[in-house]
């Protein structure tokens, strides 16, 4: 008996084509239009199409992610649904996928996909990515692995994947650990697993969280502006192992003293942060002030996680545990 997979269309490049008046891509295709191009998929799964929206990637907000999460929860509760595929604009796809990964509690496969080329371009990759995603969603091995991102016949964990190229079809990569598996001959093949899967049981999010990137000579003005504007959390992309300029330190102190949660990650594309350096602005200096380490997350994902964590609790120690759980384990 074929499994039933829900496909939720949210928009993005996969649903676009060129408008000759604008000479630019705009939303134009319905879910039915897109699925019609995925030939032969009915031999593998029964499909139910659901239209969530027509959002270009940059139009997606954390509140939209939350609404999508609620829709998925309801769909996945149905006994007749074995898994779900979500189509999404690639610009913010990794953030939505990670949001869903942190907030959905299900053993059923959830796959997020899209396309790098619109339907008017040669080599439109939307139908192929949907087909590979469906093949992954029906796989028994995909159960319990959290939210997955499938592009270009590669299967990546939402917690690890990032968009690495503005144009390439294989843009979604997991820089630290590589893909979990591949889709070959219409079958999902997994080579490794995720040892630990984060889940934050919140029914709220805190949208007032900002992301700042450390650059040479940066000072504290942005911190004071954000705190005075009511920001509840700030993620800092520090340099290297997790360090900032000495002129930023007073701003960080000001934020912490006013109850704003600070999470530190690295602006490097690979590796994790650790409080290795003791000079002013070094990681040890920052953690002693109350800065939380964000492990190997990129800034955009750490921001999503902090929004969810702050929606769950205002307790600084609990938020530290959410972010530093693995770091604590290594230090014991």
C-alpha atoms as a PDB file:
ATOM      1  CA  UNK A   1       0.000   0.000   0.000  1.00  0.00           C
ATOM      2  CA  UNK A   2       1.373   3.412  -0.990  1.00  0.00           C
ATOM      3  CA  UNK A   3       2.026   5.962   1.751  1.00  0.00           C
ATOM      4  CA  UNK A   4       0.168   9.269   1.714  1.00  0.00           C
ATOM      5  CA  UNK A   5       2.370  12.374   1.754  1.00  0.00           C
ATOM      6  CA  UNK A   6       1.126  15.926   2.286  1.00  0.00           C
ATOM      7  CA  UNK A   7       2.849  18.563   0.156  1.00  0.00           C
ATOM      8  CA  UNK A   8       2.538  22.060   1.585  1.00  0.00           C
ATOM      9  CA  UNK A   9       3.312  24.834  -0.880  1.00  0.00           C
ATOM     10  CA  UNK A  10       4.518  28.105   0.643  1.00  0.00           C
ATOM     11  CA  UNK A  11       5.901  29.876  -2.438  1.00  0.00           C
ATOM     12  CA  UNK A  12       9.465  30.750  -3.397  1.00  0.00           C
ATOM     13  CA  UNK A  13      11.360  30.417  -6.676  1.00  0.00           C
ATOM     14  CA  UNK A  14       9.854  26.986  -7.266  1.00  0.00           C
ATOM     15  CA  UNK A  15       6.484  28.694  -7.861  1.00  0.00           C
ATOM     16  CA  UNK A  16       7.795  31.528 -10.059  1.00  0.00           C
ATOM     17  CA  UNK A  17       8.186  32.261 -13.741  1.00  0.00           C
ATOM     18  CA  UNK A  18       9.405  35.236 -15.760  1.00  0.00           C
ATOM     19  CA  UNK A  19       6.949  38.079 -16.258  1.00  0.00           C
ATOM     20  CA  UNK A  20       7.832  39.506 -19.721  1.00  0.00           C
ATOM     21  CA  UNK A  21       6.688  42.987 -18.706  1.00  0.00           C
ATOM     22  CA  UNK A  22       9.069  43.120 -15.751  1.00  0.00           C
ATOM     23  CA  UNK A  23      11.696  40.785 -17.192  1.00  0.00           C
ATOM     24  CA  UNK A  24      11.884  39.320 -13.700  1.00  0.00           C
ATOM     25  CA  UNK A  25      10.571  36.262 -11.876  1.00  0.00           C
ATOM     26  CA  UNK A  26       7.341  36.579  -9.891  1.00  0.00           C
ATOM     27  CA  UNK A  27       4.979  34.101  -8.161  1.00  0.00           C
ATOM     28  CA  UNK A  28       2.826  32.457 -10.828  1.00  0.00           C
ATOM     29  CA  UNK A  29       2.434  28.689 -10.357  1.00  0.00           C
ATOM     30  CA  UNK A  30       0.002  26.924  -8.054  1.00  0.00           C
ATOM     31  CA  UNK A  31       0.897  23.755  -6.209  1.00  0.00           C
ATOM     32  CA  UNK A  32      -1.121  21.813  -8.780  1.00  0.00           C
ATOM     33  CA  UNK A  33       0.865  23.402 -11.613  1.00  0.00           C
ATOM     34  CA  UNK A  34       4.157  22.402 -10.007  1.00  0.00           C
ATOM     35  CA  UNK A  35       3.121  18.876  -9.097  1.00  0.00           C
ATOM     36  CA  UNK A  36       1.881  18.294 -12.659  1.00  0.00           C
ATOM     37  CA  UNK A  37       5.564  18.501 -13.726  1.00  0.00           C
ATOM     38  CA  UNK A  38       6.614  15.745 -11.289  1.00  0.00           C
ATOM     39  CA  UNK A  39       5.849  12.923 -13.662  1.00  0.00           C
ATOM     40  CA  UNK A  40       5.316   9.392 -12.377  1.00  0.00           C
ATOM     41  CA  UNK A  41       5.311  10.275  -8.675  1.00  0.00           C
ATOM     42  CA  UNK A  42       1.885   8.659  -8.272  1.00  0.00           C
ATOM     43  CA  UNK A  43       3.646   5.296  -8.627  1.00  0.00           C
ATOM     44  CA  UNK A  44       5.525   5.963  -5.376  1.00  0.00           C
ATOM     45  CA  UNK A  45       3.094   7.788  -3.087  1.00  0.00           C
ATOM     46  CA  UNK A  46      -0.403   9.135  -2.757  1.00  0.00           C
ATOM     47  CA  UNK A  47      -0.204  12.918  -2.672  1.00  0.00           C
ATOM     48  CA  UNK A  48      -2.362  15.497  -0.906  1.00  0.00           C
ATOM     49  CA  UNK A  49      -1.691  19.106  -1.907  1.00  0.00           C
ATOM     50  CA  UNK A  50      -2.096  21.972   0.566  1.00  0.00           C
ATOM     51  CA  UNK A  51      -1.522  25.644  -0.235  1.00  0.00           C
ATOM     52  CA  UNK A  52      -0.084  27.628   2.672  1.00  0.00           C
ATOM     53  CA  UNK A  53       0.927  30.782   0.822  1.00  0.00           C
ATOM     54  CA  UNK A  54       2.880  32.386  -2.002  1.00  0.00           C
ATOM     55  CA  UNK A  55       5.800  33.921  -0.126  1.00  0.00           C
ATOM     56  CA  UNK A  56       9.133  34.769  -1.724  1.00  0.00           C
ATOM     57  CA  UNK A  57      11.864  33.654   0.686  1.00  0.00           C
ATOM     58  CA  UNK A  58      12.656  37.155   2.041  1.00  0.00           C
ATOM     59  CA  UNK A  59       8.950  37.712   2.854  1.00  0.00           C
ATOM     60  CA  UNK A  60       8.879  34.843   5.358  1.00  0.00           C
ATOM     61  CA  UNK A  61       8.843  36.022   8.988  1.00  0.00           C
ATOM     62  CA  UNK A  62       9.194  34.066  12.252  1.00  0.00           C
ATOM     63  CA  UNK A  63       5.441  34.444  12.756  1.00  0.00           C
ATOM     64  CA  UNK A  64       4.826  32.855   9.345  1.00  0.00           C
ATOM     65  CA  UNK A  65       7.185  30.034  10.368  1.00  0.00           C
ATOM     66  CA  UNK A  66       5.149  29.590  13.552  1.00  0.00           C
ATOM     67  CA  UNK A  67       1.887  29.464  11.581  1.00  0.00           C
ATOM     68  CA  UNK A  68       3.411  26.867   9.243  1.00  0.00           C
ATOM     69  CA  UNK A  69       4.475  24.822  12.270  1.00  0.00           C
ATOM     70  CA  UNK A  70       0.884  24.825  13.572  1.00  0.00           C
ATOM     71  CA  UNK A  71      -0.422  23.711  10.174  1.00  0.00           C
ATOM     72  CA  UNK A  72       2.125  20.886  10.031  1.00  0.00           C
ATOM     73  CA  UNK A  73       1.228  19.731  13.521  1.00  0.00           C
ATOM     74  CA  UNK A  74      -2.410  19.352  12.511  1.00  0.00           C
ATOM     75  CA  UNK A  75      -1.552  17.579   9.262  1.00  0.00           C
ATOM     76  CA  UNK A  76       0.895  15.160  10.904  1.00  0.00           C
ATOM     77  CA  UNK A  77      -1.635  14.198  13.589  1.00  0.00           C
ATOM     78  CA  UNK A  78      -3.724  12.566  10.890  1.00  0.00           C
ATOM     79  CA  UNK A  79      -3.357   8.782  10.803  1.00  0.00           C
ATOM     80  CA  UNK A  80      -3.598   8.677   7.008  1.00  0.00           C
ATOM     81  CA  UNK A  81      -0.596  11.014   6.553  1.00  0.00           C
ATOM     82  CA  UNK A  82       2.828   9.320   6.660  1.00  0.00           C
ATOM     83  CA  UNK A  83       4.956  12.431   6.181  1.00  0.00           C
ATOM     84  CA  UNK A  84       5.115  15.924   4.742  1.00  0.00           C
ATOM     85  CA  UNK A  85       7.052  17.871   2.135  1.00  0.00           C
ATOM     86  CA  UNK A  86       7.223  21.671   2.381  1.00  0.00           C
ATOM     87  CA  UNK A  87       8.256  23.822  -0.584  1.00  0.00           C
ATOM     88  CA  UNK A  88       9.930  27.089   0.375  1.00  0.00           C
ATOM     89  CA  UNK A  89      11.946  29.995  -0.989  1.00  0.00           C
ATOM     90  CA  UNK A  90      15.651  29.257  -0.664  1.00  0.00           C
ATOM     91  CA  UNK A  91      16.705  32.615   0.824  1.00  0.00           C
ATOM     92  CA  UNK A  92      15.245  31.807   4.258  1.00  0.00           C
ATOM     93  CA  UNK A  93      14.696  28.068   3.831  1.00  0.00           C
ATOM     94  CA  UNK A  94      17.347  27.030   6.354  1.00  0.00           C
ATOM     95  CA  UNK A  95      15.791  29.275   9.006  1.00  0.00           C
ATOM     96  CA  UNK A  96      12.281  27.880   8.505  1.00  0.00           C
ATOM     97  CA  UNK A  97      13.580  24.308   8.389  1.00  0.00           C
ATOM     98  CA  UNK A  98      15.484  24.848  11.645  1.00  0.00           C
ATOM     99  CA  UNK A  99      12.469  26.541  13.247  1.00  0.00           C
ATOM    100  CA  UNK A 100      10.354  23.504  12.395  1.00  0.00           C
ATOM    101  CA  UNK A 101      13.101  21.148  13.570  1.00  0.00           C
ATOM    102  CA  UNK A 102      13.172  22.807  17.012  1.00  0.00           C
ATOM    103  CA  UNK A 103       9.406  23.019  17.503  1.00  0.00           C
ATOM    104  CA  UNK A 104       7.851  19.941  15.874  1.00  0.00           C
ATOM    105  CA  UNK A 105       7.613  16.738  17.898  1.00  0.00           C
ATOM    106  CA  UNK A 106       6.929  13.908  15.482  1.00  0.00           C
ATOM    107  CA  UNK A 107       8.512  10.708  14.227  1.00  0.00           C
ATOM    108  CA  UNK A 108       7.020  11.266  10.782  1.00  0.00           C
ATOM    109  CA  UNK A 109       9.419  12.587   8.122  1.00  0.00           C
ATOM    110  CA  UNK A 110       9.227  16.295   7.335  1.00  0.00           C
ATOM    111  CA  UNK A 111      11.171  17.417   4.263  1.00  0.00           C
ATOM    112  CA  UNK A 112      11.794  21.021   3.178  1.00  0.00           C
ATOM    113  CA  UNK A 113      12.750  21.722  -0.426  1.00  0.00           C
ATOM    114  CA  UNK A 114      12.489  24.304  -3.199  1.00  0.00           C
ATOM    115  CA  UNK A 115      14.388  25.276  -6.317  1.00  0.00           C
ATOM    116  CA  UNK A 116      17.240  27.520  -7.345  1.00  0.00           C
ATOM    117  CA  UNK A 117      15.851  28.113 -10.844  1.00  0.00           C
ATOM    118  CA  UNK A 118      12.394  29.354 -11.707  1.00  0.00           C
ATOM    119  CA  UNK A 119      10.104  27.519 -14.114  1.00  0.00           C
ATOM    120  CA  UNK A 120      11.048  29.775 -17.048  1.00  0.00           C
ATOM    121  CA  UNK A 121      14.732  28.850 -16.857  1.00  0.00           C
ATOM    122  CA  UNK A 122      16.482  25.941 -18.533  1.00  0.00           C
ATOM    123  CA  UNK A 123      17.193  23.225 -16.022  1.00  0.00           C
ATOM    124  CA  UNK A 124      14.308  24.115 -13.689  1.00  0.00           C
ATOM    125  CA  UNK A 125      15.112  21.977 -10.644  1.00  0.00           C
ATOM    126  CA  UNK A 126      11.790  22.211  -8.805  1.00  0.00           C
ATOM    127  CA  UNK A 127      10.187  18.953 -10.022  1.00  0.00           C
ATOM    128  CA  UNK A 128      13.361  16.940  -9.393  1.00  0.00           C
ATOM    129  CA  UNK A 129      13.704  18.278  -5.860  1.00  0.00           C
ATOM    130  CA  UNK A 130      10.070  17.525  -5.069  1.00  0.00           C
ATOM    131  CA  UNK A 131      10.446  13.988  -6.417  1.00  0.00           C
ATOM    132  CA  UNK A 132      13.563  13.386  -4.296  1.00  0.00           C
ATOM    133  CA  UNK A 133      11.798  14.852  -1.262  1.00  0.00           C
ATOM    134  CA  UNK A 134       8.817  12.539  -1.678  1.00  0.00           C
ATOM    135  CA  UNK A 135      11.147   9.558  -2.059  1.00  0.00           C
ATOM    136  CA  UNK A 136      12.760  10.606   1.222  1.00  0.00           C
ATOM    137  CA  UNK A 137       9.439  11.191   2.991  1.00  0.00           C
ATOM    138  CA  UNK A 138       8.241   7.641   2.234  1.00  0.00           C
ATOM    139  CA  UNK A 139      11.469   6.067   3.479  1.00  0.00           C
ATOM    140  CA  UNK A 140      11.290   4.161   6.774  1.00  0.00           C
ATOM    141  CA  UNK A 141      14.844   5.327   7.493  1.00  0.00           C
ATOM    142  CA  UNK A 142      13.728   8.968   7.434  1.00  0.00           C
ATOM    143  CA  UNK A 143      11.560   8.500  10.522  1.00  0.00           C
ATOM    144  CA  UNK A 144      12.716  10.187  13.712  1.00  0.00           C
ATOM    145  CA  UNK A 145      15.526  12.142  12.099  1.00  0.00           C
ATOM    146  CA  UNK A 146      13.956  15.549  12.609  1.00  0.00           C
ATOM    147  CA  UNK A 147      13.338  17.953   9.762  1.00  0.00           C
ATOM    148  CA  UNK A 148      15.374  17.231   6.625  1.00  0.00           C
ATOM    149  CA  UNK A 149      16.341  19.443   3.682  1.00  0.00           C
ATOM    150  CA  UNK A 150      16.531  17.746   0.281  1.00  0.00           C
ATOM    151  CA  UNK A 151      18.101  19.437  -2.745  1.00  0.00           C
ATOM    152  CA  UNK A 152      20.041  18.110  -5.710  1.00  0.00           C
ATOM    153  CA  UNK A 153      19.540  14.499  -4.501  1.00  0.00           C
ATOM    154  CA  UNK A 154      21.291  15.193  -1.175  1.00  0.00           C
ATOM    155  CA  UNK A 155      19.656  14.773   2.234  1.00  0.00           C
ATOM    156  CA  UNK A 156      20.781  17.174   4.956  1.00  0.00           C
ATOM    157  CA  UNK A 157      19.687  17.757   8.539  1.00  0.00           C
ATOM    158  CA  UNK A 158      17.913  21.075   9.125  1.00  0.00           C
ATOM    159  CA  UNK A 159      20.142  21.603  12.169  1.00  0.00           C
ATOM    160  CA  UNK A 160      23.308  21.401  10.043  1.00  0.00           C
ATOM    161  CA  UNK A 161      22.475  22.682   6.564  1.00  0.00           C
ATOM    162  CA  UNK A 162      23.087  26.170   5.188  1.00  0.00           C
ATOM    163  CA  UNK A 163      22.829  27.912   1.828  1.00  0.00           C
ATOM    164  CA  UNK A 164      26.393  28.201   0.537  1.00  0.00           C
ATOM    165  CA  UNK A 165      26.058  29.645  -2.973  1.00  0.00           C
ATOM    166  CA  UNK A 166      23.849  32.282  -4.588  1.00  0.00           C
ATOM    167  CA  UNK A 167      23.377  30.351  -7.820  1.00  0.00           C
ATOM    168  CA  UNK A 168      24.512  26.720  -7.691  1.00  0.00           C
ATOM    169  CA  UNK A 169      21.925  23.925  -7.702  1.00  0.00           C
ATOM    170  CA  UNK A 170      23.819  22.153  -4.902  1.00  0.00           C
ATOM    171  CA  UNK A 171      23.830  25.265  -2.719  1.00  0.00           C
ATOM    172  CA  UNK A 172      22.511  23.539   0.421  1.00  0.00           C
ATOM    173  CA  UNK A 173      25.410  21.942   2.263  1.00  0.00           C
ATOM    174  CA  UNK A 174      26.325  20.834   5.778  1.00  0.00           C
ATOM    175  CA  UNK A 175      29.851  22.324   6.008  1.00  0.00           C
ATOM    176  CA  UNK A 176      30.939  20.603   9.218  1.00  0.00           C
ATOM    177  CA  UNK A 177      29.687  17.057   8.726  1.00  0.00           C
ATOM    178  CA  UNK A 178      28.371  16.586   5.180  1.00  0.00           C
ATOM    179  CA  UNK A 179      24.979  15.183   4.129  1.00  0.00           C
ATOM    180  CA  UNK A 180      23.091  12.501   6.026  1.00  0.00           C
ATOM    181  CA  UNK A 181      22.519  10.657   2.777  1.00  0.00           C
ATOM    182  CA  UNK A 182      21.491  10.780  -0.845  1.00  0.00           C
ATOM    183  CA  UNK A 183      18.553   9.954  -3.096  1.00  0.00           C
ATOM    184  CA  UNK A 184      19.661   7.461  -5.730  1.00  0.00           C
ATOM    185  CA  UNK A 185      17.498   5.453  -8.113  1.00  0.00           C
ATOM    186  CA  UNK A 186      14.401   6.971  -6.447  1.00  0.00           C
ATOM    187  CA  UNK A 187      15.424   5.657  -3.015  1.00  0.00           C
ATOM    188  CA  UNK A 188      16.638   7.535   0.077  1.00  0.00           C
ATOM    189  CA  UNK A 189      19.930   6.086   1.295  1.00  0.00           C
ATOM    190  CA  UNK A 190      21.265   7.226   4.691  1.00  0.00           C
ATOM    191  CA  UNK A 191      24.928   6.995   5.658  1.00  0.00           C
ATOM    192  CA  UNK A 192      24.796   8.553   9.136  1.00  0.00           C
ATOM    193  CA  UNK A 193      22.367   9.709  11.805  1.00  0.00           C
ATOM    194  CA  UNK A 194      21.867  12.661  14.158  1.00  0.00           C
ATOM    195  CA  UNK A 195      22.986  11.754  17.687  1.00  0.00           C
ATOM    196  CA  UNK A 196      20.996  14.450  19.461  1.00  0.00           C
ATOM    197  CA  UNK A 197      17.894  16.297  18.330  1.00  0.00           C
ATOM    198  CA  UNK A 198      16.918  19.569  20.045  1.00  0.00           C
ATOM    199  CA  UNK A 199      13.266  20.148  20.841  1.00  0.00           C
ATOM    200  CA  UNK A 200      11.876  23.238  22.585  1.00  0.00           C
ATOM    201  CA  UNK A 201       8.214  22.773  23.641  1.00  0.00           C
ATOM    202  CA  UNK A 202       7.022  26.337  23.213  1.00  0.00           C
ATOM    203  CA  UNK A 203       3.737  27.782  22.048  1.00  0.00           C
ATOM    204  CA  UNK A 204       5.195  31.280  21.763  1.00  0.00           C
ATOM    205  CA  UNK A 205       8.106  33.034  20.105  1.00  0.00           C
ATOM    206  CA  UNK A 206       9.918  36.252  20.975  1.00  0.00           C
ATOM    207  CA  UNK A 207      10.375  38.245  17.743  1.00  0.00           C
ATOM    208  CA  UNK A 208      12.513  40.989  19.309  1.00  0.00           C
ATOM    209  CA  UNK A 209      15.865  39.329  18.685  1.00  0.00           C
ATOM    210  CA  UNK A 210      18.603  40.864  16.525  1.00  0.00           C
ATOM    211  CA  UNK A 211      21.786  39.640  14.864  1.00  0.00           C
ATOM    212  CA  UNK A 212      25.020  41.642  14.843  1.00  0.00           C
ATOM    213  CA  UNK A 213      28.195  40.749  12.950  1.00  0.00           C
ATOM    214  CA  UNK A 214      31.546  41.636  14.506  1.00  0.00           C
ATOM    215  CA  UNK A 215      33.906  43.602  12.268  1.00  0.00           C
ATOM    216  CA  UNK A 216      37.259  45.268  12.948  1.00  0.00           C
ATOM    217  CA  UNK A 217      36.918  48.390  15.092  1.00  0.00           C
ATOM    218  CA  UNK A 218      33.206  47.853  15.884  1.00  0.00           C
ATOM    219  CA  UNK A 219      31.916  49.778  18.914  1.00  0.00           C
ATOM    220  CA  UNK A 220      28.981  49.545  21.330  1.00  0.00           C
ATOM    221  CA  UNK A 221      26.474  51.943  19.745  1.00  0.00           C
ATOM    222  CA  UNK A 222      24.258  49.293  18.134  1.00  0.00           C
ATOM    223  CA  UNK A 223      23.944  47.394  21.402  1.00  0.00           C
ATOM    224  CA  UNK A 224      22.717  50.440  23.277  1.00  0.00           C
ATOM    225  CA  UNK A 225      20.279  51.316  20.499  1.00  0.00           C
ATOM    226  CA  UNK A 226      18.821  47.804  20.406  1.00  0.00           C
ATOM    227  CA  UNK A 227      18.474  47.510  24.179  1.00  0.00           C
ATOM    228  CA  UNK A 228      16.858  50.938  24.469  1.00  0.00           C
ATOM    229  CA  UNK A 229      14.490  49.931  21.639  1.00  0.00           C
ATOM    230  CA  UNK A 230      13.250  46.947  23.666  1.00  0.00           C
ATOM    231  CA  UNK A 231      15.214  44.082  22.142  1.00  0.00           C
ATOM    232  CA  UNK A 232      15.018  40.944  24.284  1.00  0.00           C
ATOM    233  CA  UNK A 233      17.898  39.054  22.728  1.00  0.00           C
ATOM    234  CA  UNK A 234      20.975  39.709  20.602  1.00  0.00           C
ATOM    235  CA  UNK A 235      23.044  37.159  18.703  1.00  0.00           C
ATOM    236  CA  UNK A 236      26.629  38.188  18.002  1.00  0.00           C
ATOM    237  CA  UNK A 237      28.640  36.677  15.179  1.00  0.00           C
ATOM    238  CA  UNK A 238      32.051  37.005  16.762  1.00  0.00           C
ATOM    239  CA  UNK A 239      35.413  36.537  15.117  1.00  0.00           C
ATOM    240  CA  UNK A 240      37.220  33.217  15.064  1.00  0.00           C
ATOM    241  CA  UNK A 241      36.704  31.055  18.149  1.00  0.00           C
ATOM    242  CA  UNK A 242      34.159  33.562  19.505  1.00  0.00           C
ATOM    243  CA  UNK A 243      35.672  36.948  20.274  1.00  0.00           C
ATOM    244  CA  UNK A 244      34.694  40.606  19.841  1.00  0.00           C
ATOM    245  CA  UNK A 245      36.462  43.959  19.708  1.00  0.00           C
ATOM    246  CA  UNK A 246      37.230  45.648  23.042  1.00  0.00           C
ATOM    247  CA  UNK A 247      34.995  48.595  22.085  1.00  0.00           C
ATOM    248  CA  UNK A 248      31.973  46.268  21.958  1.00  0.00           C
ATOM    249  CA  UNK A 249      32.381  45.076  25.547  1.00  0.00           C
ATOM    250  CA  UNK A 250      30.654  47.991  27.259  1.00  0.00           C
ATOM    251  CA  UNK A 251      27.647  47.559  24.980  1.00  0.00           C
ATOM    252  CA  UNK A 252      27.447  43.863  25.860  1.00  0.00           C
ATOM    253  CA  UNK A 253      27.640  44.691  29.579  1.00  0.00           C
ATOM    254  CA  UNK A 254      24.890  47.267  29.122  1.00  0.00           C
ATOM    255  CA  UNK A 255      22.675  44.738  27.356  1.00  0.00           C
ATOM    256  CA  UNK A 256      23.150  42.029  29.986  1.00  0.00           C
ATOM    257  CA  UNK A 257      22.581  44.455  32.872  1.00  0.00           C
ATOM    258  CA  UNK A 258      19.254  45.390  31.272  1.00  0.00           C
ATOM    259  CA  UNK A 259      18.130  41.767  30.943  1.00  0.00           C
ATOM    260  CA  UNK A 260      18.864  41.283  27.236  1.00  0.00           C
ATOM    261  CA  UNK A 261      20.118  37.766  26.495  1.00  0.00           C
ATOM    262  CA  UNK A 262      23.346  37.631  24.483  1.00  0.00           C
ATOM    263  CA  UNK A 263      24.322  34.552  22.447  1.00  0.00           C
ATOM    264  CA  UNK A 264      27.748  34.302  20.812  1.00  0.00           C
ATOM    265  CA  UNK A 265      28.522  32.362  17.623  1.00  0.00           C
ATOM    266  CA  UNK A 266      31.292  32.693  15.052  1.00  0.00           C
ATOM    267  CA  UNK A 267      31.254  34.505  11.748  1.00  0.00           C
ATOM    268  CA  UNK A 268      33.408  31.633  10.414  1.00  0.00           C
ATOM    269  CA  UNK A 269      31.492  29.173   8.251  1.00  0.00           C
ATOM    270  CA  UNK A 270      32.853  26.117  10.095  1.00  0.00           C
ATOM    271  CA  UNK A 271      33.670  25.183  13.675  1.00  0.00           C
ATOM    272  CA  UNK A 272      32.209  26.009  17.081  1.00  0.00           C
ATOM    273  CA  UNK A 273      32.806  28.780  19.579  1.00  0.00           C
ATOM    274  CA  UNK A 274      34.520  28.226  22.933  1.00  0.00           C
ATOM    275  CA  UNK A 275      35.745  30.573  25.656  1.00  0.00           C
ATOM    276  CA  UNK A 276      39.414  30.038  24.847  1.00  0.00           C
ATOM    277  CA  UNK A 277      40.782  33.601  25.035  1.00  0.00           C
ATOM    278  CA  UNK A 278      41.023  35.697  28.202  1.00  0.00           C
ATOM    279  CA  UNK A 279      41.807  39.172  26.838  1.00  0.00           C
ATOM    280  CA  UNK A 280      39.222  41.981  26.803  1.00  0.00           C
ATOM    281  CA  UNK A 281      36.571  40.902  24.302  1.00  0.00           C
ATOM    282  CA  UNK A 282      37.859  37.315  24.311  1.00  0.00           C
ATOM    283  CA  UNK A 283      35.496  34.404  24.810  1.00  0.00           C
ATOM    284  CA  UNK A 284      36.423  33.816  28.479  1.00  0.00           C
ATOM    285  CA  UNK A 285      35.890  37.505  29.221  1.00  0.00           C
ATOM    286  CA  UNK A 286      32.453  37.347  27.571  1.00  0.00           C
ATOM    287  CA  UNK A 287      31.201  34.158  29.258  1.00  0.00           C
ATOM    288  CA  UNK A 288      32.247  35.527  32.657  1.00  0.00           C
ATOM    289  CA  UNK A 289      29.899  38.445  31.949  1.00  0.00           C
ATOM    290  CA  UNK A 290      26.984  36.115  31.173  1.00  0.00           C
ATOM    291  CA  UNK A 291      27.265  35.677  27.400  1.00  0.00           C
ATOM    292  CA  UNK A 292      25.894  32.315  26.197  1.00  0.00           C
ATOM    293  CA  UNK A 293      27.854  30.208  23.699  1.00  0.00           C
ATOM    294  CA  UNK A 294      25.995  29.125  20.569  1.00  0.00           C
ATOM    295  CA  UNK A 295      28.191  26.139  19.639  1.00  0.00           C
ATOM    296  CA  UNK A 296      28.543  25.749  15.830  1.00  0.00           C
ATOM    297  CA  UNK A 297      25.323  27.494  14.771  1.00  0.00           C
ATOM    298  CA  UNK A 298      25.491  30.228  12.121  1.00  0.00           C
ATOM    299  CA  UNK A 299      24.076  33.552  13.226  1.00  0.00           C
ATOM    300  CA  UNK A 300      20.757  33.251  11.391  1.00  0.00           C
ATOM    301  CA  UNK A 301      19.991  29.908  13.055  1.00  0.00           C
ATOM    302  CA  UNK A 302      21.128  31.032  16.488  1.00  0.00           C
ATOM    303  CA  UNK A 303      18.695  33.945  16.177  1.00  0.00           C
ATOM    304  CA  UNK A 304      15.829  31.551  15.375  1.00  0.00           C
ATOM    305  CA  UNK A 305      16.772  29.348  18.332  1.00  0.00           C
ATOM    306  CA  UNK A 306      16.939  32.336  20.702  1.00  0.00           C
ATOM    307  CA  UNK A 307      13.499  33.543  19.544  1.00  0.00           C
ATOM    308  CA  UNK A 308      12.075  30.114  20.350  1.00  0.00           C
ATOM    309  CA  UNK A 309      13.998  29.793  23.631  1.00  0.00           C
ATOM    310  CA  UNK A 310      12.791  33.214  24.822  1.00  0.00           C
ATOM    311  CA  UNK A 311       9.246  32.240  23.871  1.00  0.00           C
ATOM    312  CA  UNK A 312       9.641  29.203  26.119  1.00  0.00           C
ATOM    313  CA  UNK A 313      11.369  30.803  29.126  1.00  0.00           C
ATOM    314  CA  UNK A 314      12.817  34.062  30.439  1.00  0.00           C
ATOM    315  CA  UNK A 315      15.177  32.233  32.777  1.00  0.00           C
ATOM    316  CA  UNK A 316      18.778  32.929  31.748  1.00  0.00           C
ATOM    317  CA  UNK A 317      20.102  29.642  33.132  1.00  0.00           C
ATOM    318  CA  UNK A 318      17.477  27.642  31.252  1.00  0.00           C
ATOM    319  CA  UNK A 319      18.332  29.453  28.030  1.00  0.00           C
ATOM    320  CA  UNK A 320      22.035  28.790  28.659  1.00  0.00           C
ATOM    321  CA  UNK A 321      21.245  25.091  29.094  1.00  0.00           C
ATOM    322  CA  UNK A 322      19.300  25.063  25.807  1.00  0.00           C
ATOM    323  CA  UNK A 323      22.306  26.461  23.932  1.00  0.00           C
ATOM    324  CA  UNK A 324      25.231  24.997  25.884  1.00  0.00           C
ATOM    325  CA  UNK A 325      23.949  21.502  26.672  1.00  0.00           C
ATOM    326  CA  UNK A 326      26.640  19.749  24.632  1.00  0.00           C
ATOM    327  CA  UNK A 327      29.359  22.102  25.857  1.00  0.00           C
ATOM    328  CA  UNK A 328      28.422  21.325  29.466  1.00  0.00           C
ATOM    329  CA  UNK A 329      28.632  17.606  28.751  1.00  0.00           C
ATOM    330  CA  UNK A 330      32.179  17.953  27.432  1.00  0.00           C
ATOM    331  CA  UNK A 331      33.294  19.978  30.459  1.00  0.00           C
ATOM    332  CA  UNK A 332      32.060  17.528  33.119  1.00  0.00           C
END
